[in-house]
Amino acid sequence: NDWSNRLATGQELGADTAFGFIFSEEFRNLNLCNEHYVDSMYAAF
């Protein structure tokens, strides 16, 4: 609901949302190696 509201009201754009997820503590804690980080970029974006 929070992310959807931010996008709907223009507080955030797609790029801002991308940063919010990729640099979130939860994503950081995955400790992805370089190979899987690149894989995640292709899949996500």
PDB file of all heavy atoms in Angstrom:
ATOM      1  N   ASN A   1       0.819  -1.217   0.000  1.00  0.00           N
ATOM      2  CA  ASN A   1       0.000   0.000   0.000  1.00  0.00           C
ATOM      3  C   ASN A   1       0.850   1.261   0.000  1.00  0.00           C
ATOM      4  O   ASN A   1       0.545   2.241  -0.686  1.00  0.00           O
ATOM      5  CB  ASN A   1      -0.936   0.004   1.208  1.00  0.00           C
ATOM      6  CG  ASN A   1      -2.035  -1.040   1.096  1.00  0.00           C
ATOM      7  OD1 ASN A   1      -2.360  -1.503   0.000  1.00  0.00           O
ATOM      8  ND2 ASN A   1      -2.608  -1.432   2.221  1.00  0.00           N
ATOM      9  N   ASP A   2       1.929   1.233   0.787  1.00  0.00           N
ATOM     10  CA  ASP A   2       2.775   2.428   0.898  1.00  0.00           C
ATOM     11  C   ASP A   2       3.454   2.751  -0.424  1.00  0.00           C
ATOM     12  O   ASP A   2       3.388   3.893  -0.904  1.00  0.00           O
ATOM     13  CB  ASP A   2       3.818   2.209   1.994  1.00  0.00           C
ATOM     14  CG  ASP A   2       4.695   3.433   2.185  1.00  0.00           C
ATOM     15  OD1 ASP A   2       4.153   4.540   2.357  1.00  0.00           O
ATOM     16  OD2 ASP A   2       5.931   3.293   2.161  1.00  0.00           O
ATOM     17  N   TRP A   3       4.092   1.764  -1.039  1.00  0.00           N
ATOM     18  CA  TRP A   3       4.760   2.008  -2.316  1.00  0.00           C
ATOM     19  C   TRP A   3       3.769   2.382  -3.411  1.00  0.00           C
ATOM     20  O   TRP A   3       4.028   3.269  -4.230  1.00  0.00           O
ATOM     21  CB  TRP A   3       5.548   0.774  -2.737  1.00  0.00           C
ATOM     22  CG  TRP A   3       6.879   0.635  -2.068  1.00  0.00           C
ATOM     23  CD1 TRP A   3       7.251  -0.306  -1.147  1.00  0.00           C
ATOM     24  CD2 TRP A   3       8.024   1.465  -2.262  1.00  0.00           C
ATOM     25  NE1 TRP A   3       8.550  -0.106  -0.759  1.00  0.00           N
ATOM     26  CE2 TRP A   3       9.058   0.967  -1.423  1.00  0.00           C
ATOM     27  CE3 TRP A   3       8.280   2.584  -3.052  1.00  0.00           C
ATOM     28  CZ2 TRP A   3      10.317   1.551  -1.362  1.00  0.00           C
ATOM     29  CZ3 TRP A   3       9.545   3.166  -2.985  1.00  0.00           C
ATOM     30  CH2 TRP A   3      10.544   2.654  -2.153  1.00  0.00           C
ATOM     31  N   SER A   4       2.620   1.719  -3.424  1.00  0.00           N
ATOM     32  CA  SER A   4       1.601   2.008  -4.440  1.00  0.00           C
ATOM     33  C   SER A   4       1.088   3.428  -4.300  1.00  0.00           C
ATOM     34  O   SER A   4       0.894   4.144  -5.292  1.00  0.00           O
ATOM     35  CB  SER A   4       0.433   1.018  -4.314  1.00  0.00           C
ATOM     36  OG  SER A   4       0.867  -0.311  -4.543  1.00  0.00           O
ATOM     37  N   ASN A   5       0.890   3.871  -3.068  1.00  0.00           N
ATOM     38  CA  ASN A   5       0.411   5.231  -2.826  1.00  0.00           C
ATOM     39  C   ASN A   5       1.439   6.263  -3.278  1.00  0.00           C
ATOM     40  O   ASN A   5       1.095   7.288  -3.879  1.00  0.00           O
ATOM     41  CB  ASN A   5       0.093   5.417  -1.338  1.00  0.00           C
ATOM     42  CG  ASN A   5      -0.448   6.809  -1.044  1.00  0.00           C
ATOM     43  OD1 ASN A   5      -1.506   7.183  -1.534  1.00  0.00           O
ATOM     44  ND2 ASN A   5       0.289   7.579  -0.256  1.00  0.00           N
ATOM     45  N   ARG A   6       2.700   5.990  -3.011  1.00  0.00           N
ATOM     46  CA  ARG A   6       3.754   6.936  -3.425  1.00  0.00           C
ATOM     47  C   ARG A   6       3.806   7.078  -4.938  1.00  0.00           C
ATOM     48  O   ARG A   6       3.985   8.175  -5.465  1.00  0.00           O
ATOM     49  CB  ARG A   6       5.112   6.451  -2.911  1.00  0.00           C
ATOM     50  CG  ARG A   6       5.284   6.498  -1.408  1.00  0.00           C
ATOM     51  CD  ARG A   6       6.739   6.207  -1.061  1.00  0.00           C
ATOM     52  NE  ARG A   6       6.879   5.578   0.235  1.00  0.00           N
ATOM     53  CZ  ARG A   6       8.042   5.235   0.754  1.00  0.00           C
ATOM     54  NH1 ARG A   6       9.151   5.452   0.076  1.00  0.00           N
ATOM     55  NH2 ARG A   6       8.111   4.659   1.937  1.00  0.00           N
ATOM     56  N   LEU A   7       3.665   5.959  -5.636  1.00  0.00           N
ATOM     57  CA  LEU A   7       3.688   6.009  -7.099  1.00  0.00           C
ATOM     58  C   LEU A   7       2.435   6.687  -7.647  1.00  0.00           C
ATOM     59  O   LEU A   7       2.498   7.481  -8.582  1.00  0.00           O
ATOM     60  CB  LEU A   7       3.814   4.594  -7.669  1.00  0.00           C
ATOM     61  CG  LEU A   7       5.194   3.954  -7.560  1.00  0.00           C
ATOM     62  CD1 LEU A   7       5.114   2.454  -7.803  1.00  0.00           C
ATOM     63  CD2 LEU A   7       6.164   4.587  -8.552  1.00  0.00           C
ATOM     64  N   ALA A   8       1.295   6.384  -7.056  1.00  0.00           N
ATOM     65  CA  ALA A   8       0.025   6.932  -7.537  1.00  0.00           C
ATOM     66  C   ALA A   8      -0.047   8.445  -7.360  1.00  0.00           C
ATOM     67  O   ALA A   8      -0.632   9.149  -8.185  1.00  0.00           O
ATOM     68  CB  ALA A   8      -1.145   6.261  -6.808  1.00  0.00           C
ATOM     69  N   THR A   9       0.557   8.942  -6.292  1.00  0.00           N
ATOM     70  CA  THR A   9       0.506  10.385  -6.010  1.00  0.00           C
ATOM     71  C   THR A   9       1.688  11.143  -6.595  1.00  0.00           C
ATOM     72  O   THR A   9       1.760  12.368  -6.455  1.00  0.00           O
ATOM     73  CB  THR A   9       0.467  10.629  -4.489  1.00  0.00           C
ATOM     74  OG1 THR A   9       1.627  10.024  -3.888  1.00  0.00           O
ATOM     75  CG2 THR A   9      -0.793  10.051  -3.878  1.00  0.00           C
ATOM     76  N   GLY A  10       2.604  10.447  -7.227  1.00  0.00           N
ATOM     77  CA  GLY A  10       3.750  11.118  -7.834  1.00  0.00           C
ATOM     78  C   GLY A  10       4.886  11.407  -6.879  1.00  0.00           C
ATOM     79  O   GLY A  10       5.866  12.064  -7.263  1.00  0.00           O
ATOM     80  N   GLN A  11       4.782  10.939  -5.647  1.00  0.00           N
ATOM     81  CA  GLN A  11       5.889  11.142  -4.701  1.00  0.00           C
ATOM     82  C   GLN A  11       7.125  10.371  -5.160  1.00  0.00           C
ATOM     83  O   GLN A  11       8.251  10.784  -4.884  1.00  0.00           O
ATOM     84  CB  GLN A  11       5.490  10.651  -3.314  1.00  0.00           C
ATOM     85  CG  GLN A  11       4.343  11.417  -2.665  1.00  0.00           C
ATOM     86  CD  GLN A  11       3.963  10.785  -1.328  1.00  0.00           C
ATOM     87  OE1 GLN A  11       4.786  10.663  -0.426  1.00  0.00           O
ATOM     88  NE2 GLN A  11       2.715  10.377  -1.197  1.00  0.00           N
ATOM     89  N   GLU A  12       6.903   9.233  -5.799  1.00  0.00           N
ATOM     90  CA  GLU A  12       8.010   8.400  -6.284  1.00  0.00           C
ATOM     91  C   GLU A  12       7.751   8.045  -7.748  1.00  0.00           C
ATOM     92  O   GLU A  12       6.604   7.963  -8.185  1.00  0.00           O
ATOM     93  CB  GLU A  12       8.104   7.099  -5.474  1.00  0.00           C
ATOM     94  CG  GLU A  12       8.205   7.278  -3.973  1.00  0.00           C
ATOM     95  CD  GLU A  12       9.605   7.621  -3.505  1.00  0.00           C
ATOM     96  OE1 GLU A  12      10.491   7.782  -4.369  1.00  0.00           O
ATOM     97  OE2 GLU A  12       9.817   7.723  -2.283  1.00  0.00           O
ATOM     98  N   LEU A  13       8.849   7.849  -8.497  1.00  0.00           N
ATOM     99  CA  LEU A  13       8.778   7.357  -9.865  1.00  0.00           C
ATOM    100  C   LEU A  13       9.424   5.968  -9.910  1.00  0.00           C
ATOM    101  O   LEU A  13       9.910   5.465  -8.894  1.00  0.00           O
ATOM    102  CB  LEU A  13       9.497   8.322 -10.809  1.00  0.00           C
ATOM    103  CG  LEU A  13       8.975   9.759 -10.808  1.00  0.00           C
ATOM    104  CD1 LEU A  13       9.812  10.632 -11.742  1.00  0.00           C
ATOM    105  CD2 LEU A  13       7.509   9.811 -11.220  1.00  0.00           C
ATOM    106  N   GLY A  14       9.433   5.364 -11.077  1.00  0.00           N
ATOM    107  CA  GLY A  14       9.973   4.021 -11.182  1.00  0.00           C
ATOM    108  C   GLY A  14      11.412   3.934 -10.701  1.00  0.00           C
ATOM    109  O   GLY A  14      11.797   2.988 -10.009  1.00  0.00           O
ATOM    110  N   ALA A  15      12.223   4.922 -11.048  1.00  0.00           N
ATOM    111  CA  ALA A  15      13.629   4.916 -10.653  1.00  0.00           C
ATOM    112  C   ALA A  15      13.779   4.996  -9.141  1.00  0.00           C
ATOM    113  O   ALA A  15      14.635   4.327  -8.552  1.00  0.00           O
ATOM    114  CB  ALA A  15      14.354   6.092 -11.312  1.00  0.00           C
ATOM    115  N   ASP A  16      12.960   5.832  -8.499  1.00  0.00           N
ATOM    116  CA  ASP A  16      13.014   5.960  -7.040  1.00  0.00           C
ATOM    117  C   ASP A  16      12.648   4.640  -6.372  1.00  0.00           C
ATOM    118  O   ASP A  16      13.252   4.232  -5.372  1.00  0.00           O
ATOM    119  CB  ASP A  16      12.047   7.048  -6.559  1.00  0.00           C
ATOM    120  CG  ASP A  16      12.275   8.373  -7.256  1.00  0.00           C
ATOM    121  OD1 ASP A  16      13.434   8.805  -7.305  1.00  0.00           O
ATOM    122  OD2 ASP A  16      11.304   8.958  -7.759  1.00  0.00           O
ATOM    123  N   THR A  17      11.642   3.984  -6.923  1.00  0.00           N
ATOM    124  CA  THR A  17      11.216   2.702  -6.373  1.00  0.00           C
ATOM    125  C   THR A  17      12.317   1.658  -6.516  1.00  0.00           C
ATOM    126  O   THR A  17      12.570   0.863  -5.605  1.00  0.00           O
ATOM    127  CB  THR A  17       9.937   2.218  -7.081  1.00  0.00           C
ATOM    128  OG1 THR A  17       8.949   3.254  -7.026  1.00  0.00           O
ATOM    129  CG2 THR A  17       9.379   0.964  -6.426  1.00  0.00           C
ATOM    130  N   ALA A  18      12.985   1.674  -7.671  1.00  0.00           N
ATOM    131  CA  ALA A  18      14.100   0.753  -7.896  1.00  0.00           C
ATOM    132  C   ALA A  18      15.168   0.936  -6.819  1.00  0.00           C
ATOM    133  O   ALA A  18      15.647  -0.034  -6.228  1.00  0.00           O
ATOM    134  CB  ALA A  18      14.703   0.999  -9.280  1.00  0.00           C
ATOM    135  N   PHE A  19      15.532   2.184  -6.559  1.00  0.00           N
ATOM    136  CA  PHE A  19      16.537   2.450  -5.529  1.00  0.00           C
ATOM    137  C   PHE A  19      16.052   1.973  -4.164  1.00  0.00           C
ATOM    138  O   PHE A  19      16.820   1.379  -3.393  1.00  0.00           O
ATOM    139  CB  PHE A  19      16.845   3.953  -5.468  1.00  0.00           C
ATOM    140  CG  PHE A  19      17.811   4.316  -4.376  1.00  0.00           C
ATOM    141  CD1 PHE A  19      19.175   4.164  -4.557  1.00  0.00           C
ATOM    142  CD2 PHE A  19      17.348   4.800  -3.161  1.00  0.00           C
ATOM    143  CE1 PHE A  19      20.070   4.489  -3.543  1.00  0.00           C
ATOM    144  CE2 PHE A  19      18.236   5.126  -2.139  1.00  0.00           C
ATOM    145  CZ  PHE A  19      19.601   4.970  -2.339  1.00  0.00           C
ATOM    146  N   GLY A  20      14.787   2.215  -3.869  1.00  0.00           N
ATOM    147  CA  GLY A  20      14.236   1.818  -2.576  1.00  0.00           C
ATOM    148  C   GLY A  20      14.339   0.334  -2.325  1.00  0.00           C
ATOM    149  O   GLY A  20      14.618  -0.094  -1.197  1.00  0.00           O
ATOM    150  N   PHE A  21      14.145  -0.461  -3.361  1.00  0.00           N
ATOM    151  CA  PHE A  21      14.218  -1.911  -3.198  1.00  0.00           C
ATOM    152  C   PHE A  21      15.661  -2.415  -3.211  1.00  0.00           C
ATOM    153  O   PHE A  21      16.058  -3.211  -2.356  1.00  0.00           O
ATOM    154  CB  PHE A  21      13.411  -2.615  -4.290  1.00  0.00           C
ATOM    155  CG  PHE A  21      11.944  -2.717  -3.973  1.00  0.00           C
ATOM    156  CD1 PHE A  21      11.067  -1.686  -4.279  1.00  0.00           C
ATOM    157  CD2 PHE A  21      11.429  -3.835  -3.343  1.00  0.00           C
ATOM    158  CE1 PHE A  21       9.709  -1.764  -3.971  1.00  0.00           C
ATOM    159  CE2 PHE A  21      10.075  -3.935  -3.029  1.00  0.00           C
ATOM    160  CZ  PHE A  21       9.216  -2.893  -3.342  1.00  0.00           C
ATOM    161  N   ILE A  22      16.447  -1.971  -4.182  1.00  0.00           N
ATOM    162  CA  ILE A  22      17.806  -2.501  -4.332  1.00  0.00           C
ATOM    163  C   ILE A  22      18.702  -2.088  -3.172  1.00  0.00           C
ATOM    164  O   ILE A  22      19.588  -2.839  -2.752  1.00  0.00           O
ATOM    165  CB  ILE A  22      18.421  -2.061  -5.676  1.00  0.00           C
ATOM    166  CG1 ILE A  22      17.587  -2.621  -6.837  1.00  0.00           C
ATOM    167  CG2 ILE A  22      19.872  -2.534  -5.784  1.00  0.00           C
ATOM    168  CD1 ILE A  22      17.439  -4.122  -6.846  1.00  0.00           C
ATOM    169  N   PHE A  23      18.484  -0.907  -2.631  1.00  0.00           N
ATOM    170  CA  PHE A  23      19.329  -0.456  -1.519  1.00  0.00           C
ATOM    171  C   PHE A  23      18.637  -0.609  -0.164  1.00  0.00           C
ATOM    172  O   PHE A  23      19.061  -0.032   0.829  1.00  0.00           O
ATOM    173  CB  PHE A  23      19.788   0.986  -1.752  1.00  0.00           C
ATOM    174  CG  PHE A  23      20.921   1.065  -2.733  1.00  0.00           C
ATOM    175  CD1 PHE A  23      20.669   1.137  -4.093  1.00  0.00           C
ATOM    176  CD2 PHE A  23      22.232   1.006  -2.308  1.00  0.00           C
ATOM    177  CE1 PHE A  23      21.708   1.172  -5.008  1.00  0.00           C
ATOM    178  CE2 PHE A  23      23.280   1.036  -3.213  1.00  0.00           C
ATOM    179  CZ  PHE A  23      23.014   1.122  -4.565  1.00  0.00           C
ATOM    180  N   SER A  24      17.593  -1.425  -0.149  1.00  0.00           N
ATOM    181  CA  SER A  24      16.937  -1.718   1.128  1.00  0.00           C
ATOM    182  C   SER A  24      17.811  -2.659   1.950  1.00  0.00           C
ATOM    183  O   SER A  24      18.647  -3.401   1.414  1.00  0.00           O
ATOM    184  CB  SER A  24      15.578  -2.374   0.896  1.00  0.00           C
ATOM    185  OG  SER A  24      15.739  -3.665   0.325  1.00  0.00           O
ATOM    186  N   GLU A  25      17.621  -2.638   3.250  1.00  0.00           N
ATOM    187  CA  GLU A  25      18.379  -3.539   4.117  1.00  0.00           C
ATOM    188  C   GLU A  25      18.094  -4.997   3.770  1.00  0.00           C
ATOM    189  O   GLU A  25      18.992  -5.846   3.801  1.00  0.00           O
ATOM    190  CB  GLU A  25      18.032  -3.272   5.586  1.00  0.00           C
ATOM    191  CG  GLU A  25      18.833  -4.107   6.565  1.00  0.00           C
ATOM    192  CD  GLU A  25      18.532  -3.784   8.013  1.00  0.00           C
ATOM    193  OE1 GLU A  25      17.682  -2.902   8.263  1.00  0.00           O
ATOM    194  OE2 GLU A  25      19.141  -4.419   8.902  1.00  0.00           O
ATOM    195  N   GLU A  26      16.847  -5.287   3.413  1.00  0.00           N
ATOM    196  CA  GLU A  26      16.481  -6.667   3.097  1.00  0.00           C
ATOM    197  C   GLU A  26      17.235  -7.175   1.879  1.00  0.00           C
ATOM    198  O   GLU A  26      17.716  -8.315   1.853  1.00  0.00           O
ATOM    199  CB  GLU A  26      14.971  -6.773   2.883  1.00  0.00           C
ATOM    200  CG  GLU A  26      14.485  -8.190   2.680  1.00  0.00           C
ATOM    201  CD  GLU A  26      12.964  -8.307   2.644  1.00  0.00           C
ATOM    202  OE1 GLU A  26      12.266  -7.295   2.913  1.00  0.00           O
ATOM    203  OE2 GLU A  26      12.472  -9.417   2.346  1.00  0.00           O
ATOM    204  N   PHE A  27      17.345  -6.340   0.842  1.00  0.00           N
ATOM    205  CA  PHE A  27      18.078  -6.762  -0.354  1.00  0.00           C
ATOM    206  C   PHE A  27      19.569  -6.862  -0.054  1.00  0.00           C
ATOM    207  O   PHE A  27      20.239  -7.808  -0.486  1.00  0.00           O
ATOM    208  CB  PHE A  27      17.848  -5.776  -1.498  1.00  0.00           C
ATOM    209  CG  PHE A  27      18.476  -6.215  -2.797  1.00  0.00           C
ATOM    210  CD1 PHE A  27      17.818  -7.083  -3.646  1.00  0.00           C
ATOM    211  CD2 PHE A  27      19.739  -5.765  -3.157  1.00  0.00           C
ATOM    212  CE1 PHE A  27      18.404  -7.504  -4.841  1.00  0.00           C
ATOM    213  CE2 PHE A  27      20.342  -6.178  -4.337  1.00  0.00           C
ATOM    214  CZ  PHE A  27      19.673  -7.046  -5.184  1.00  0.00           C
ATOM    215  N   ARG A  28      20.107  -5.899   0.690  1.00  0.00           N
ATOM    216  CA  ARG A  28      21.529  -5.945   1.047  1.00  0.00           C
ATOM    217  C   ARG A  28      21.873  -7.243   1.772  1.00  0.00           C
ATOM    218  O   ARG A  28      22.928  -7.833   1.566  1.00  0.00           O
ATOM    219  CB  ARG A  28      21.880  -4.763   1.953  1.00  0.00           C
ATOM    220  CG  ARG A  28      21.916  -3.401   1.263  1.00  0.00           C
ATOM    221  CD  ARG A  28      22.030  -2.301   2.319  1.00  0.00           C
ATOM    222  NE  ARG A  28      22.048  -0.977   1.747  1.00  0.00           N
ATOM    223  CZ  ARG A  28      23.153  -0.262   1.523  1.00  0.00           C
ATOM    224  NH1 ARG A  28      24.326  -0.773   1.831  1.00  0.00           N
ATOM    225  NH2 ARG A  28      23.085   0.947   1.001  1.00  0.00           N
ATOM    226  N   ASN A  29      20.944  -7.667   2.632  1.00  0.00           N
ATOM    227  CA  ASN A  29      21.201  -8.861   3.448  1.00  0.00           C
ATOM    228  C   ASN A  29      21.245 -10.145   2.633  1.00  0.00           C
ATOM    229  O   ASN A  29      21.654 -11.188   3.143  1.00  0.00           O
ATOM    230  CB  ASN A  29      20.148  -8.985   4.552  1.00  0.00           C
ATOM    231  CG  ASN A  29      20.345  -7.958   5.652  1.00  0.00           C
ATOM    232  OD1 ASN A  29      21.415  -7.371   5.795  1.00  0.00           O
ATOM    233  ND2 ASN A  29      19.302  -7.717   6.433  1.00  0.00           N
ATOM    234  N   LEU A  30      20.836 -10.083   1.367  1.00  0.00           N
ATOM    235  CA  LEU A  30      20.953 -11.254   0.502  1.00  0.00           C
ATOM    236  C   LEU A  30      22.416 -11.530   0.149  1.00  0.00           C
ATOM    237  O   LEU A  30      22.762 -12.637  -0.250  1.00  0.00           O
ATOM    238  CB  LEU A  30      20.146 -11.062  -0.785  1.00  0.00           C
ATOM    239  CG  LEU A  30      18.615 -10.991  -0.635  1.00  0.00           C
ATOM    240  CD1 LEU A  30      17.979 -10.641  -1.975  1.00  0.00           C
ATOM    241  CD2 LEU A  30      18.066 -12.314  -0.107  1.00  0.00           C
ATOM    242  N   ASN A  31      23.266 -10.487   0.278  1.00  0.00           N
ATOM    243  CA  ASN A  31      24.699 -10.638   0.012  1.00  0.00           C
ATOM    244  C   ASN A  31      24.977 -11.247  -1.361  1.00  0.00           C
ATOM    245  O   ASN A  31      25.838 -12.134  -1.497  1.00  0.00           O
ATOM    246  CB  ASN A  31      25.362 -11.517   1.093  1.00  0.00           C
ATOM    247  CG  ASN A  31      25.529 -10.781   2.400  1.00  0.00           C
ATOM    248  OD1 ASN A  31      25.982  -9.646   2.441  1.00  0.00           O
ATOM    249  ND2 ASN A  31      25.132 -11.425   3.482  1.00  0.00           N
ATOM    250  N   LEU A  32      24.266 -10.785  -2.360  1.00  0.00           N
ATOM    251  CA  LEU A  32      24.416 -11.387  -3.685  1.00  0.00           C
ATOM    252  C   LEU A  32      25.833 -11.216  -4.220  1.00  0.00           C
ATOM    253  O   LEU A  32      26.416 -10.131  -4.144  1.00  0.00           O
ATOM    254  CB  LEU A  32      23.417 -10.762  -4.663  1.00  0.00           C
ATOM    255  CG  LEU A  32      21.933 -10.967  -4.357  1.00  0.00           C
ATOM    256  CD1 LEU A  32      21.089 -10.396  -5.491  1.00  0.00           C
ATOM    257  CD2 LEU A  32      21.609 -12.437  -4.146  1.00  0.00           C
ATOM    258  N   CYS A  33      26.362 -12.282  -4.779  1.00  0.00           N
ATOM    259  CA  CYS A  33      27.650 -12.195  -5.459  1.00  0.00           C
ATOM    260  C   CYS A  33      27.444 -11.369  -6.732  1.00  0.00           C
ATOM    261  O   CYS A  33      26.313 -11.096  -7.137  1.00  0.00           O
ATOM    262  CB  CYS A  33      28.177 -13.587  -5.794  1.00  0.00           C
ATOM    263  SG  CYS A  33      27.113 -14.533  -6.911  1.00  0.00           S
ATOM    264  N   ASN A  34      28.535 -10.972  -7.377  1.00  0.00           N
ATOM    265  CA  ASN A  34      28.425 -10.123  -8.560  1.00  0.00           C
ATOM    266  C   ASN A  34      27.561 -10.757  -9.650  1.00  0.00           C
ATOM    267  O   ASN A  34      26.747 -10.088 -10.297  1.00  0.00           O
ATOM    268  CB  ASN A  34      29.811  -9.811  -9.110  1.00  0.00           C
ATOM    269  CG  ASN A  34      30.547  -8.777  -8.275  1.00  0.00           C
ATOM    270  OD1 ASN A  34      29.962  -8.133  -7.410  1.00  0.00           O
ATOM    271  ND2 ASN A  34      31.838  -8.632  -8.528  1.00  0.00           N
ATOM    272  N   GLU A  35      27.747 -12.045  -9.864  1.00  0.00           N
ATOM    273  CA  GLU A  35      26.989 -12.734 -10.913  1.00  0.00           C
ATOM    274  C   GLU A  35      25.489 -12.660 -10.653  1.00  0.00           C
ATOM    275  O   GLU A  35      24.698 -12.319 -11.544  1.00  0.00           O
ATOM    276  CB  GLU A  35      27.430 -14.194 -11.013  1.00  0.00           C
ATOM    277  CG  GLU A  35      26.689 -14.964 -12.105  1.00  0.00           C
ATOM    278  CD  GLU A  35      26.987 -16.451 -12.055  1.00  0.00           C
ATOM    279  OE1 GLU A  35      27.774 -16.888 -11.196  1.00  0.00           O
ATOM    280  OE2 GLU A  35      26.403 -17.176 -12.882  1.00  0.00           O
ATOM    281  N   HIS A  36      25.077 -12.967  -9.436  1.00  0.00           N
ATOM    282  CA  HIS A  36      23.653 -12.964  -9.139  1.00  0.00           C
ATOM    283  C   HIS A  36      23.098 -11.547  -8.982  1.00  0.00           C
ATOM    284  O   HIS A  36      21.895 -11.325  -9.183  1.00  0.00           O
ATOM    285  CB  HIS A  36      23.374 -13.808  -7.896  1.00  0.00           C
ATOM    286  CG  HIS A  36      23.487 -15.279  -8.165  1.00  0.00           C
ATOM    287  ND1 HIS A  36      24.268 -16.125  -7.416  1.00  0.00           N
ATOM    288  CD2 HIS A  36      22.938 -16.056  -9.142  1.00  0.00           C
ATOM    289  CE1 HIS A  36      24.190 -17.349  -7.910  1.00  0.00           C
ATOM    290  NE2 HIS A  36      23.389 -17.324  -8.954  1.00  0.00           N
ATOM    291  N   TYR A  37      23.945 -10.599  -8.638  1.00  0.00           N
ATOM    292  CA  TYR A  37      23.500  -9.200  -8.626  1.00  0.00           C
ATOM    293  C   TYR A  37      23.136  -8.760 -10.036  1.00  0.00           C
ATOM    294  O   TYR A  37      22.078  -8.150 -10.260  1.00  0.00           O
ATOM    295  CB  TYR A  37      24.598  -8.296  -8.057  1.00  0.00           C
ATOM    296  CG  TYR A  37      24.194  -6.832  -8.016  1.00  0.00           C
ATOM    297  CD1 TYR A  37      23.342  -6.356  -7.025  1.00  0.00           C
ATOM    298  CD2 TYR A  37      24.649  -5.946  -8.990  1.00  0.00           C
ATOM    299  CE1 TYR A  37      22.954  -5.016  -7.002  1.00  0.00           C
ATOM    300  CE2 TYR A  37      24.268  -4.615  -8.968  1.00  0.00           C
ATOM    301  CZ  TYR A  37      23.424  -4.153  -7.974  1.00  0.00           C
ATOM    302  OH  TYR A  37      23.036  -2.823  -7.963  1.00  0.00           O
ATOM    303  N   VAL A  38      23.995  -9.080 -10.998  1.00  0.00           N
ATOM    304  CA  VAL A  38      23.699  -8.718 -12.389  1.00  0.00           C
ATOM    305  C   VAL A  38      22.443  -9.441 -12.873  1.00  0.00           C
ATOM    306  O   VAL A  38      21.587  -8.846 -13.547  1.00  0.00           O
ATOM    307  CB  VAL A  38      24.902  -9.038 -13.297  1.00  0.00           C
ATOM    308  CG1 VAL A  38      24.529  -8.866 -14.776  1.00  0.00           C
ATOM    309  CG2 VAL A  38      26.083  -8.137 -12.944  1.00  0.00           C
ATOM    310  N   ASP A  39      22.316 -10.715 -12.500  1.00  0.00           N
ATOM    311  CA  ASP A  39      21.103 -11.456 -12.864  1.00  0.00           C
ATOM    312  C   ASP A  39      19.858 -10.751 -12.322  1.00  0.00           C
ATOM    313  O   ASP A  39      18.829 -10.684 -13.009  1.00  0.00           O
ATOM    314  CB  ASP A  39      21.156 -12.878 -12.305  1.00  0.00           C
ATOM    315  CG  ASP A  39      22.122 -13.776 -13.062  1.00  0.00           C
ATOM    316  OD1 ASP A  39      22.488 -13.435 -14.201  1.00  0.00           O
ATOM    317  OD2 ASP A  39      22.510 -14.824 -12.502  1.00  0.00           O
ATOM    318  N   SER A  40      19.947 -10.251 -11.093  1.00  0.00           N
ATOM    319  CA  SER A  40      18.792  -9.587 -10.478  1.00  0.00           C
ATOM    320  C   SER A  40      18.465  -8.285 -11.198  1.00  0.00           C
ATOM    321  O   SER A  40      17.296  -7.903 -11.296  1.00  0.00           O
ATOM    322  CB  SER A  40      19.050  -9.324  -8.990  1.00  0.00           C
ATOM    323  OG  SER A  40      19.971  -8.275  -8.792  1.00  0.00           O
ATOM    324  N   MET A  41      19.487  -7.592 -11.721  1.00  0.00           N
ATOM    325  CA  MET A  41      19.248  -6.355 -12.475  1.00  0.00           C
ATOM    326  C   MET A  41      18.472  -6.654 -13.757  1.00  0.00           C
ATOM    327  O   MET A  41      17.519  -5.951 -14.100  1.00  0.00           O
ATOM    328  CB  MET A  41      20.584  -5.684 -12.832  1.00  0.00           C
ATOM    329  CG  MET A  41      21.410  -5.172 -11.663  1.00  0.00           C
ATOM    330  SD  MET A  41      20.664  -3.799 -10.748  1.00  0.00           S
ATOM    331  CE  MET A  41      19.996  -4.690  -9.332  1.00  0.00           C
ATOM    332  N   TYR A  42      18.898  -7.689 -14.462  1.00  0.00           N
ATOM    333  CA  TYR A  42      18.190  -8.071 -15.693  1.00  0.00           C
ATOM    334  C   TYR A  42      16.740  -8.458 -15.391  1.00  0.00           C
ATOM    335  O   TYR A  42      15.810  -8.043 -16.094  1.00  0.00           O
ATOM    336  CB  TYR A  42      18.895  -9.238 -16.373  1.00  0.00           C
ATOM    337  CG  TYR A  42      20.009  -8.837 -17.308  1.00  0.00           C
ATOM    338  CD1 TYR A  42      21.340  -8.931 -16.916  1.00  0.00           C
ATOM    339  CD2 TYR A  42      19.731  -8.361 -18.587  1.00  0.00           C
ATOM    340  CE1 TYR A  42      22.375  -8.568 -17.778  1.00  0.00           C
ATOM    341  CE2 TYR A  42      20.753  -7.997 -19.458  1.00  0.00           C
ATOM    342  CZ  TYR A  42      22.073  -8.095 -19.042  1.00  0.00           C
ATOM    343  OH  TYR A  42      23.085  -7.722 -19.898  1.00  0.00           O
ATOM    344  N   ALA A  43      16.550  -9.260 -14.350  1.00  0.00           N
ATOM    345  CA  ALA A  43      15.199  -9.726 -14.024  1.00  0.00           C
ATOM    346  C   ALA A  43      14.305  -8.582 -13.573  1.00  0.00           C
ATOM    347  O   ALA A  43      13.151  -8.466 -14.002  1.00  0.00           O
ATOM    348  CB  ALA A  43      15.273 -10.799 -12.936  1.00  0.00           C
ATOM    349  N   ALA A  44      14.833  -7.710 -12.703  1.00  0.00           N
ATOM    350  CA  ALA A  44      14.024  -6.638 -12.130  1.00  0.00           C
ATOM    351  C   ALA A  44      13.695  -5.546 -13.135  1.00  0.00           C
ATOM    352  O   ALA A  44      12.558  -5.066 -13.190  1.00  0.00           O
ATOM    353  CB  ALA A  44      14.738  -6.035 -10.919  1.00  0.00           C
ATOM    354  N   PHE A  45      14.660  -5.157 -13.952  1.00  0.00           N
ATOM    355  CA  PHE A  45      14.487  -3.968 -14.774  1.00  0.00           C
ATOM    356  C   PHE A  45      14.341  -4.225 -16.266  1.00  0.00           C
ATOM    357  O   PHE A  45      13.886  -3.357 -17.005  1.00  0.00           O
ATOM    358  CB  PHE A  45      15.642  -2.993 -14.514  1.00  0.00           C
ATOM    359  CG  PHE A  45      15.825  -2.703 -13.054  1.00  0.00           C
ATOM    360  CD1 PHE A  45      17.026  -2.923 -12.421  1.00  0.00           C
ATOM    361  CD2 PHE A  45      14.754  -2.230 -12.292  1.00  0.00           C
ATOM    362  CE1 PHE A  45      17.184  -2.667 -11.065  1.00  0.00           C
ATOM    363  CE2 PHE A  45      14.896  -1.978 -10.941  1.00  0.00           C
ATOM    364  CZ  PHE A  45      16.105  -2.200 -10.320  1.00  0.00           C
TER     365      PHE A  45
END
